[in-house]
Amino acid sequence: MPPQQLRLRALVTLPWTDAFALEITRTRRQDLEQQLPHHVLAGAVTLLSQRRGAHLPAARWQAGPHDNSLRIASYTSVIPAPDGRP
């Protein structure tokens, strides 16, 4: 039987009166990318792995499989198991 995989998706919708004026600039995207490995979400993944007896940090993030534009940010972290499998 293959090992179970955890898939976690976090979605944030911010209510703004003038949402069309908002955009994810290059600087904001770079800030997000630098903060992702240290964010509480990455820490939650590590904590969940520790409860199973491992220490698997979500330290590497890359642009995700969904739209990345001036209005949307999508990132993915694949965490390898001790044997190297994702």
PDB file of N, CA and C in Angstrom:
ATOM      1  N   MET A   1       0.845  -1.167   0.000  1.00  0.00           N
ATOM      2  CA  MET A   1       0.000   0.000   0.000  1.00  0.00           C
ATOM      3  C   MET A   1       0.903   1.248   0.000  1.00  0.00           C
ATOM      4  N   PRO A   2       0.673   2.219  -0.912  1.00  0.00           N
ATOM      5  CA  PRO A   2       1.516   3.416  -0.962  1.00  0.00           C
ATOM      6  C   PRO A   2       1.307   4.292   0.266  1.00  0.00           C
ATOM      7  N   PRO A   3       2.348   5.020   0.663  1.00  0.00           N
ATOM      8  CA  PRO A   3       2.192   5.890   1.837  1.00  0.00           C
ATOM      9  C   PRO A   3       1.196   7.003   1.563  1.00  0.00           C
ATOM     10  N   GLN A   4       0.551   7.449   2.621  1.00  0.00           N
ATOM     11  CA  GLN A   4      -0.417   8.531   2.493  1.00  0.00           C
ATOM     12  C   GLN A   4       0.306   9.849   2.255  1.00  0.00           C
ATOM     13  N   GLN A   5      -0.338  10.726   1.502  1.00  0.00           N
ATOM     14  CA  GLN A   5       0.215  12.042   1.248  1.00  0.00           C
ATOM     15  C   GLN A   5      -0.712  13.102   1.822  1.00  0.00           C
ATOM     16  N   LEU A   6      -0.114  14.127   2.369  1.00  0.00           N
ATOM     17  CA  LEU A   6      -0.877  15.251   2.895  1.00  0.00           C
ATOM     18  C   LEU A   6      -0.869  16.355   1.852  1.00  0.00           C
ATOM     19  N   ARG A   7      -2.042  16.832   1.502  1.00  0.00           N
ATOM     20  CA  ARG A   7      -2.163  17.996   0.616  1.00  0.00           C
ATOM     21  C   ARG A   7      -2.899  19.063   1.398  1.00  0.00           C
ATOM     22  N   LEU A   8      -2.273  20.194   1.491  1.00  0.00           N
ATOM     23  CA  LEU A   8      -2.808  21.294   2.268  1.00  0.00           C
ATOM     24  C   LEU A   8      -2.929  22.509   1.364  1.00  0.00           C
ATOM     25  N   ARG A   9      -4.084  23.115   1.357  1.00  0.00           N
ATOM     26  CA  ARG A   9      -4.299  24.294   0.526  1.00  0.00           C
ATOM     27  C   ARG A   9      -4.781  25.426   1.417  1.00  0.00           C
ATOM     28  N   ALA A  10      -4.097  26.550   1.330  1.00  0.00           N
ATOM     29  CA  ALA A  10      -4.500  27.739   2.082  1.00  0.00           C
ATOM     30  C   ALA A  10      -4.972  28.784   1.083  1.00  0.00           C
ATOM     31  N   LEU A  11      -6.129  29.327   1.332  1.00  0.00           N
ATOM     32  CA  LEU A  11      -6.713  30.314   0.436  1.00  0.00           C
ATOM     33  C   LEU A  11      -7.063  31.551   1.254  1.00  0.00           C
ATOM     34  N   VAL A  12      -6.654  32.700   0.770  1.00  0.00           N
ATOM     35  CA  VAL A  12      -6.944  33.949   1.456  1.00  0.00           C
ATOM     36  C   VAL A  12      -7.658  34.874   0.483  1.00  0.00           C
ATOM     37  N   THR A  13      -8.783  35.391   0.898  1.00  0.00           N
ATOM     38  CA  THR A  13      -9.510  36.387   0.128  1.00  0.00           C
ATOM     39  C   THR A  13      -9.611  37.638   0.992  1.00  0.00           C
ATOM     40  N   LEU A  14      -9.090  38.732   0.487  1.00  0.00           N
ATOM     41  CA  LEU A  14      -9.093  39.973   1.244  1.00  0.00           C
ATOM     42  C   LEU A  14     -10.172  40.905   0.709  1.00  0.00           C
ATOM     43  N   PRO A  15     -11.116  41.307   1.546  1.00  0.00           N
ATOM     44  CA  PRO A  15     -12.176  42.208   1.086  1.00  0.00           C
ATOM     45  C   PRO A  15     -11.688  43.659   1.058  1.00  0.00           C
ATOM     46  N   TRP A  16     -11.568  44.210  -0.109  1.00  0.00           N
ATOM     47  CA  TRP A  16     -11.165  45.600  -0.286  1.00  0.00           C
ATOM     48  C   TRP A  16     -12.234  46.299  -1.103  1.00  0.00           C
ATOM     49  N   THR A  17     -12.469  47.561  -0.802  1.00  0.00           N
ATOM     50  CA  THR A  17     -13.478  48.305  -1.551  1.00  0.00           C
ATOM     51  C   THR A  17     -13.045  48.556  -2.981  1.00  0.00           C
ATOM     52  N   ASP A  18     -11.759  48.725  -3.216  1.00  0.00           N
ATOM     53  CA  ASP A  18     -11.254  48.971  -4.561  1.00  0.00           C
ATOM     54  C   ASP A  18     -10.261  47.874  -4.926  1.00  0.00           C
ATOM     55  N   ALA A  19     -10.728  46.656  -5.009  1.00  0.00           N
ATOM     56  CA  ALA A  19      -9.859  45.506  -5.249  1.00  0.00           C
ATOM     57  C   ALA A  19      -9.165  45.563  -6.604  1.00  0.00           C
ATOM     58  N   PHE A  20      -9.731  46.250  -7.563  1.00  0.00           N
ATOM     59  CA  PHE A  20      -9.116  46.299  -8.884  1.00  0.00           C
ATOM     60  C   PHE A  20      -7.830  47.120  -8.893  1.00  0.00           C
ATOM     61  N   ALA A  21      -7.653  47.963  -7.871  1.00  0.00           N
ATOM     62  CA  ALA A  21      -6.432  48.759  -7.785  1.00  0.00           C
ATOM     63  C   ALA A  21      -5.287  47.983  -7.144  1.00  0.00           C
ATOM     64  N   LEU A  22      -5.580  46.838  -6.543  1.00  0.00           N
ATOM     65  CA  LEU A  22      -4.545  46.043  -5.881  1.00  0.00           C
ATOM     66  C   LEU A  22      -3.791  45.195  -6.885  1.00  0.00           C
ATOM     67  N   GLU A  23      -2.517  45.005  -6.628  1.00  0.00           N
ATOM     68  CA  GLU A  23      -1.738  44.099  -7.464  1.00  0.00           C
ATOM     69  C   GLU A  23      -0.569  43.543  -6.670  1.00  0.00           C
ATOM     70  N   ILE A  24      -0.112  42.395  -7.087  1.00  0.00           N
ATOM     71  CA  ILE A  24       1.057  41.773  -6.478  1.00  0.00           C
ATOM     72  C   ILE A  24       2.250  42.213  -7.319  1.00  0.00           C
ATOM     73  N   THR A  25       2.949  43.211  -6.831  1.00  0.00           N
ATOM     74  CA  THR A  25       4.096  43.744  -7.564  1.00  0.00           C
ATOM     75  C   THR A  25       5.277  42.774  -7.468  1.00  0.00           C
ATOM     76  N   ARG A  26       6.278  43.013  -8.256  1.00  0.00           N
ATOM     77  CA  ARG A  26       7.484  42.176  -8.226  1.00  0.00           C
ATOM     78  C   ARG A  26       8.103  42.185  -6.831  1.00  0.00           C
ATOM     79  N   THR A  27       8.153  43.363  -6.206  1.00  0.00           N
ATOM     80  CA  THR A  27       8.733  43.475  -4.861  1.00  0.00           C
ATOM     81  C   THR A  27       7.902  42.697  -3.846  1.00  0.00           C
ATOM     82  N   ARG A  28       6.583  42.806  -3.915  1.00  0.00           N
ATOM     83  CA  ARG A  28       5.720  42.065  -2.987  1.00  0.00           C
ATOM     84  C   ARG A  28       5.849  40.559  -3.195  1.00  0.00           C
ATOM     85  N   ARG A  29       5.959  40.134  -4.442  1.00  0.00           N
ATOM     86  CA  ARG A  29       6.124  38.707  -4.726  1.00  0.00           C
ATOM     87  C   ARG A  29       7.462  38.202  -4.179  1.00  0.00           C
ATOM     88  N   GLN A  30       8.511  38.985  -4.341  1.00  0.00           N
ATOM     89  CA  GLN A  30       9.819  38.603  -3.799  1.00  0.00           C
ATOM     90  C   GLN A  30       9.772  38.510  -2.277  1.00  0.00           C
ATOM     91  N   ASP A  31       9.089  39.466  -1.638  1.00  0.00           N
ATOM     92  CA  ASP A  31       8.933  39.422  -0.180  1.00  0.00           C
ATOM     93  C   ASP A  31       8.190  38.159   0.249  1.00  0.00           C
ATOM     94  N   LEU A  32       7.123  37.822  -0.464  1.00  0.00           N
ATOM     95  CA  LEU A  32       6.350  36.620  -0.166  1.00  0.00           C
ATOM     96  C   LEU A  32       7.228  35.375  -0.291  1.00  0.00           C
ATOM     97  N   GLU A  33       7.987  35.295  -1.373  1.00  0.00           N
ATOM     98  CA  GLU A  33       8.845  34.130  -1.607  1.00  0.00           C
ATOM     99  C   GLU A  33       9.912  33.987  -0.530  1.00  0.00           C
ATOM    100  N   GLN A  34      10.424  35.106  -0.028  1.00  0.00           N
ATOM    101  CA  GLN A  34      11.431  35.053   1.034  1.00  0.00           C
ATOM    102  C   GLN A  34      10.827  34.648   2.370  1.00  0.00           C
ATOM    103  N   GLN A  35       9.567  34.996   2.593  1.00  0.00           N
ATOM    104  CA  GLN A  35       8.929  34.716   3.874  1.00  0.00           C
ATOM    105  C   GLN A  35       8.280  33.334   3.949  1.00  0.00           C
ATOM    106  N   LEU A  36       7.946  32.742   2.813  1.00  0.00           N
ATOM    107  CA  LEU A  36       7.241  31.455   2.830  1.00  0.00           C
ATOM    108  C   LEU A  36       7.930  30.370   3.659  1.00  0.00           C
ATOM    109  N   PRO A  37       9.246  30.156   3.535  1.00  0.00           N
ATOM    110  CA  PRO A  37       9.869  29.093   4.331  1.00  0.00           C
ATOM    111  C   PRO A  37       9.794  29.313   5.837  1.00  0.00           C
ATOM    112  N   HIS A  38       9.552  30.552   6.264  1.00  0.00           N
ATOM    113  CA  HIS A  38       9.531  30.885   7.691  1.00  0.00           C
ATOM    114  C   HIS A  38       8.123  31.170   8.198  1.00  0.00           C
ATOM    115  N   HIS A  39       7.157  31.039   7.331  1.00  0.00           N
ATOM    116  CA  HIS A  39       5.773  31.384   7.669  1.00  0.00           C
ATOM    117  C   HIS A  39       5.151  30.310   8.560  1.00  0.00           C
ATOM    118  N   VAL A  40       4.095  30.677   9.256  1.00  0.00           N
ATOM    119  CA  VAL A  40       3.391  29.755  10.152  1.00  0.00           C
ATOM    120  C   VAL A  40       2.866  28.532   9.383  1.00  0.00           C
ATOM    121  N   LEU A  41       2.519  28.701   8.104  1.00  0.00           N
ATOM    122  CA  LEU A  41       2.049  27.565   7.300  1.00  0.00           C
ATOM    123  C   LEU A  41       3.159  26.529   7.129  1.00  0.00           C
ATOM    124  N   ALA A  42       4.360  26.981   6.829  1.00  0.00           N
ATOM    125  CA  ALA A  42       5.491  26.056   6.718  1.00  0.00           C
ATOM    126  C   ALA A  42       5.766  25.392   8.063  1.00  0.00           C
ATOM    127  N   GLY A  43       5.626  26.147   9.140  1.00  0.00           N
ATOM    128  CA  GLY A  43       5.814  25.584  10.474  1.00  0.00           C
ATOM    129  C   GLY A  43       4.772  24.533  10.808  1.00  0.00           C
ATOM    130  N   ALA A  44       3.554  24.718  10.327  1.00  0.00           N
ATOM    131  CA  ALA A  44       2.500  23.730  10.576  1.00  0.00           C
ATOM    132  C   ALA A  44       2.828  22.411   9.887  1.00  0.00           C
ATOM    133  N   VAL A  45       3.370  22.477   8.694  1.00  0.00           N
ATOM    134  CA  VAL A  45       3.764  21.252   7.979  1.00  0.00           C
ATOM    135  C   VAL A  45       4.859  20.522   8.758  1.00  0.00           C
ATOM    136  N   THR A  46       5.838  21.267   9.247  1.00  0.00           N
ATOM    137  CA  THR A  46       6.908  20.661  10.033  1.00  0.00           C
ATOM    138  C   THR A  46       6.353  20.038  11.313  1.00  0.00           C
ATOM    139  N   LEU A  47       5.455  20.737  11.977  1.00  0.00           N
ATOM    140  CA  LEU A  47       4.849  20.224  13.214  1.00  0.00           C
ATOM    141  C   LEU A  47       4.073  18.936  12.950  1.00  0.00           C
ATOM    142  N   LEU A  48       3.313  18.902  11.862  1.00  0.00           N
ATOM    143  CA  LEU A  48       2.574  17.686  11.520  1.00  0.00           C
ATOM    144  C   LEU A  48       3.520  16.512  11.273  1.00  0.00           C
ATOM    145  N   SER A  49       4.639  16.765  10.615  1.00  0.00           N
ATOM    146  CA  SER A  49       5.589  15.680  10.365  1.00  0.00           C
ATOM    147  C   SER A  49       6.235  15.208  11.666  1.00  0.00           C
ATOM    148  N   GLN A  50       6.483  16.116  12.592  1.00  0.00           N
ATOM    149  CA  GLN A  50       7.095  15.739  13.866  1.00  0.00           C
ATOM    150  C   GLN A  50       6.161  14.852  14.683  1.00  0.00           C
ATOM    151  N   ARG A  51       4.872  15.046  14.528  1.00  0.00           N
ATOM    152  CA  ARG A  51       3.908  14.201  15.243  1.00  0.00           C
ATOM    153  C   ARG A  51       3.963  12.772  14.736  1.00  0.00           C
ATOM    154  N   ARG A  52       4.513  12.581  13.530  1.00  0.00           N
ATOM    155  CA  ARG A  52       4.676  11.242  12.961  1.00  0.00           C
ATOM    156  C   ARG A  52       6.105  10.728  13.119  1.00  0.00           C
ATOM    157  N   GLY A  53       6.933  11.460  13.889  1.00  0.00           N
ATOM    158  CA  GLY A  53       8.288  11.001  14.165  1.00  0.00           C
ATOM    159  C   GLY A  53       9.327  11.450  13.154  1.00  0.00           C
ATOM    160  N   ALA A  54       9.025  12.428  12.338  1.00  0.00           N
ATOM    161  CA  ALA A  54       9.980  12.915  11.344  1.00  0.00           C
ATOM    162  C   ALA A  54      10.179  14.413  11.537  1.00  0.00           C
ATOM    163  N   HIS A  55      11.154  14.949  10.847  1.00  0.00           N
ATOM    164  CA  HIS A  55      11.368  16.402  10.830  1.00  0.00           C
ATOM    165  C   HIS A  55      11.495  16.805   9.370  1.00  0.00           C
ATOM    166  N   LEU A  56      10.364  17.186   8.790  1.00  0.00           N
ATOM    167  CA  LEU A  56      10.305  17.483   7.364  1.00  0.00           C
ATOM    168  C   LEU A  56       9.910  18.944   7.171  1.00  0.00           C
ATOM    169  N   PRO A  57      10.874  19.853   7.104  1.00  0.00           N
ATOM    170  CA  PRO A  57      10.533  21.264   6.954  1.00  0.00           C
ATOM    171  C   PRO A  57      10.071  21.604   5.543  1.00  0.00           C
ATOM    172  N   ALA A  58       9.093  22.487   5.454  1.00  0.00           N
ATOM    173  CA  ALA A  58       8.621  22.990   4.156  1.00  0.00           C
ATOM    174  C   ALA A  58       9.455  24.212   3.818  1.00  0.00           C
ATOM    175  N   ALA A  59      10.708  23.985   3.470  1.00  0.00           N
ATOM    176  CA  ALA A  59      11.665  25.080   3.301  1.00  0.00           C
ATOM    177  C   ALA A  59      11.862  25.501   1.851  1.00  0.00           C
ATOM    178  N   ARG A  60      11.460  24.685   0.903  1.00  0.00           N
ATOM    179  CA  ARG A  60      11.665  25.014  -0.507  1.00  0.00           C
ATOM    180  C   ARG A  60      10.310  25.221  -1.174  1.00  0.00           C
ATOM    181  N   TRP A  61      10.116  26.394  -1.736  1.00  0.00           N
ATOM    182  CA  TRP A  61       8.859  26.754  -2.386  1.00  0.00           C
ATOM    183  C   TRP A  61       9.135  27.182  -3.813  1.00  0.00           C
ATOM    184  N   GLN A  62       8.234  26.860  -4.700  1.00  0.00           N
ATOM    185  CA  GLN A  62       8.346  27.300  -6.083  1.00  0.00           C
ATOM    186  C   GLN A  62       6.968  27.712  -6.586  1.00  0.00           C
ATOM    187  N   ALA A  63       6.964  28.454  -7.681  1.00  0.00           N
ATOM    188  CA  ALA A  63       5.693  28.891  -8.246  1.00  0.00           C
ATOM    189  C   ALA A  63       4.811  27.676  -8.459  1.00  0.00           C
ATOM    190  N   GLY A  64       3.570  27.789  -7.999  1.00  0.00           N
ATOM    191  CA  GLY A  64       2.666  26.645  -8.000  1.00  0.00           C
ATOM    192  C   GLY A  64       2.022  26.349  -9.336  1.00  0.00           C
ATOM    193  N   PRO A  65       1.164  25.365  -9.342  1.00  0.00           N
ATOM    194  CA  PRO A  65       0.542  24.915 -10.589  1.00  0.00           C
ATOM    195  C   PRO A  65      -0.618  25.788 -11.037  1.00  0.00           C
ATOM    196  N   HIS A  66      -0.988  26.750 -10.222  1.00  0.00           N
ATOM    197  CA  HIS A  66      -2.130  27.594 -10.552  1.00  0.00           C
ATOM    198  C   HIS A  66      -1.635  28.956 -11.020  1.00  0.00           C
ATOM    199  N   ASP A  67      -2.544  29.780 -11.400  1.00  0.00           N
ATOM    200  CA  ASP A  67      -2.243  31.084 -11.964  1.00  0.00           C
ATOM    201  C   ASP A  67      -1.358  31.921 -11.047  1.00  0.00           C
ATOM    202  N   ASN A  68      -0.324  32.514 -11.604  1.00  0.00           N
ATOM    203  CA  ASN A  68       0.478  33.529 -10.932  1.00  0.00           C
ATOM    204  C   ASN A  68       0.391  34.780 -11.791  1.00  0.00           C
ATOM    205  N   SER A  69      -0.226  35.805 -11.242  1.00  0.00           N
ATOM    206  CA  SER A  69      -0.444  37.028 -12.010  1.00  0.00           C
ATOM    207  C   SER A  69      -0.351  38.215 -11.059  1.00  0.00           C
ATOM    208  N   LEU A  70      -0.780  39.370 -11.519  1.00  0.00           N
ATOM    209  CA  LEU A  70      -0.774  40.556 -10.665  1.00  0.00           C
ATOM    210  C   LEU A  70      -1.811  40.468  -9.553  1.00  0.00           C
ATOM    211  N   ARG A  71      -2.759  39.518  -9.655  1.00  0.00           N
ATOM    212  CA  ARG A  71      -3.826  39.391  -8.660  1.00  0.00           C
ATOM    213  C   ARG A  71      -3.799  38.067  -7.900  1.00  0.00           C
ATOM    214  N   ILE A  72      -3.021  37.113  -8.377  1.00  0.00           N
ATOM    215  CA  ILE A  72      -3.036  35.770  -7.775  1.00  0.00           C
ATOM    216  C   ILE A  72      -1.600  35.285  -7.558  1.00  0.00           C
ATOM    217  N   ALA A  73      -1.377  34.633  -6.415  1.00  0.00           N
ATOM    218  CA  ALA A  73      -0.086  34.018  -6.114  1.00  0.00           C
ATOM    219  C   ALA A  73      -0.317  32.553  -5.772  1.00  0.00           C
ATOM    220  N   SER A  74       0.398  31.667  -6.427  1.00  0.00           N
ATOM    221  CA  SER A  74       0.275  30.231  -6.189  1.00  0.00           C
ATOM    222  C   SER A  74       1.674  29.654  -6.014  1.00  0.00           C
ATOM    223  N   TYR A  75       1.883  28.969  -4.888  1.00  0.00           N
ATOM    224  CA  TYR A  75       3.187  28.368  -4.602  1.00  0.00           C
ATOM    225  C   TYR A  75       3.006  26.952  -4.083  1.00  0.00           C
ATOM    226  N   THR A  76       4.005  26.129  -4.322  1.00  0.00           N
ATOM    227  CA  THR A  76       3.966  24.726  -3.934  1.00  0.00           C
ATOM    228  C   THR A  76       5.259  24.367  -3.208  1.00  0.00           C
ATOM    229  N   SER A  77       5.134  23.526  -2.198  1.00  0.00           N
ATOM    230  CA  SER A  77       6.291  22.968  -1.512  1.00  0.00           C
ATOM    231  C   SER A  77       6.132  21.459  -1.498  1.00  0.00           C
ATOM    232  N   VAL A  78       7.070  20.770  -2.105  1.00  0.00           N
ATOM    233  CA  VAL A  78       7.080  19.305  -2.095  1.00  0.00           C
ATOM    234  C   VAL A  78       8.129  18.864  -1.084  1.00  0.00           C
ATOM    235  N   ILE A  79       7.713  18.072  -0.133  1.00  0.00           N
ATOM    236  CA  ILE A  79       8.584  17.670   0.960  1.00  0.00           C
ATOM    237  C   ILE A  79       8.992  16.214   0.773  1.00  0.00           C
ATOM    238  N   PRO A  80      10.279  15.951   0.605  1.00  0.00           N
ATOM    239  CA  PRO A  80      10.703  14.566   0.430  1.00  0.00           C
ATOM    240  C   PRO A  80      10.718  13.806   1.747  1.00  0.00           C
ATOM    241  N   ALA A  81      10.305  12.546   1.682  1.00  0.00           N
ATOM    242  CA  ALA A  81      10.383  11.650   2.834  1.00  0.00           C
ATOM    243  C   ALA A  81      11.844  11.247   3.017  1.00  0.00           C
ATOM    244  N   PRO A  82      12.188  10.624   4.133  1.00  0.00           N
ATOM    245  CA  PRO A  82      13.577  10.218   4.356  1.00  0.00           C
ATOM    246  C   PRO A  82      14.143   9.336   3.236  1.00  0.00           C
ATOM    247  N   ASP A  83      13.288   8.588   2.548  1.00  0.00           N
ATOM    248  CA  ASP A  83      13.790   7.748   1.453  1.00  0.00           C
ATOM    249  C   ASP A  83      13.874   8.517   0.131  1.00  0.00           C
ATOM    250  N   GLY A  84      13.549   9.820   0.138  1.00  0.00           N
ATOM    251  CA  GLY A  84      13.664  10.649  -1.040  1.00  0.00           C
ATOM    252  C   GLY A  84      12.386  10.810  -1.842  1.00  0.00           C
ATOM    253  N   ARG A  85      11.373   9.975  -1.562  1.00  0.00           N
ATOM    254  CA  ARG A  85      10.113  10.120  -2.297  1.00  0.00           C
ATOM    255  C   ARG A  85       9.365  11.352  -1.824  1.00  0.00           C
ATOM    256  N   PRO A  86       8.637  12.025  -2.752  1.00  0.00           N
ATOM    257  CA  PRO A  86       7.872  13.211  -2.336  1.00  0.00           C
ATOM    258  C   PRO A  86       6.671  12.832  -1.471  1.00  0.00           C
TER     259      PRO A  86
END
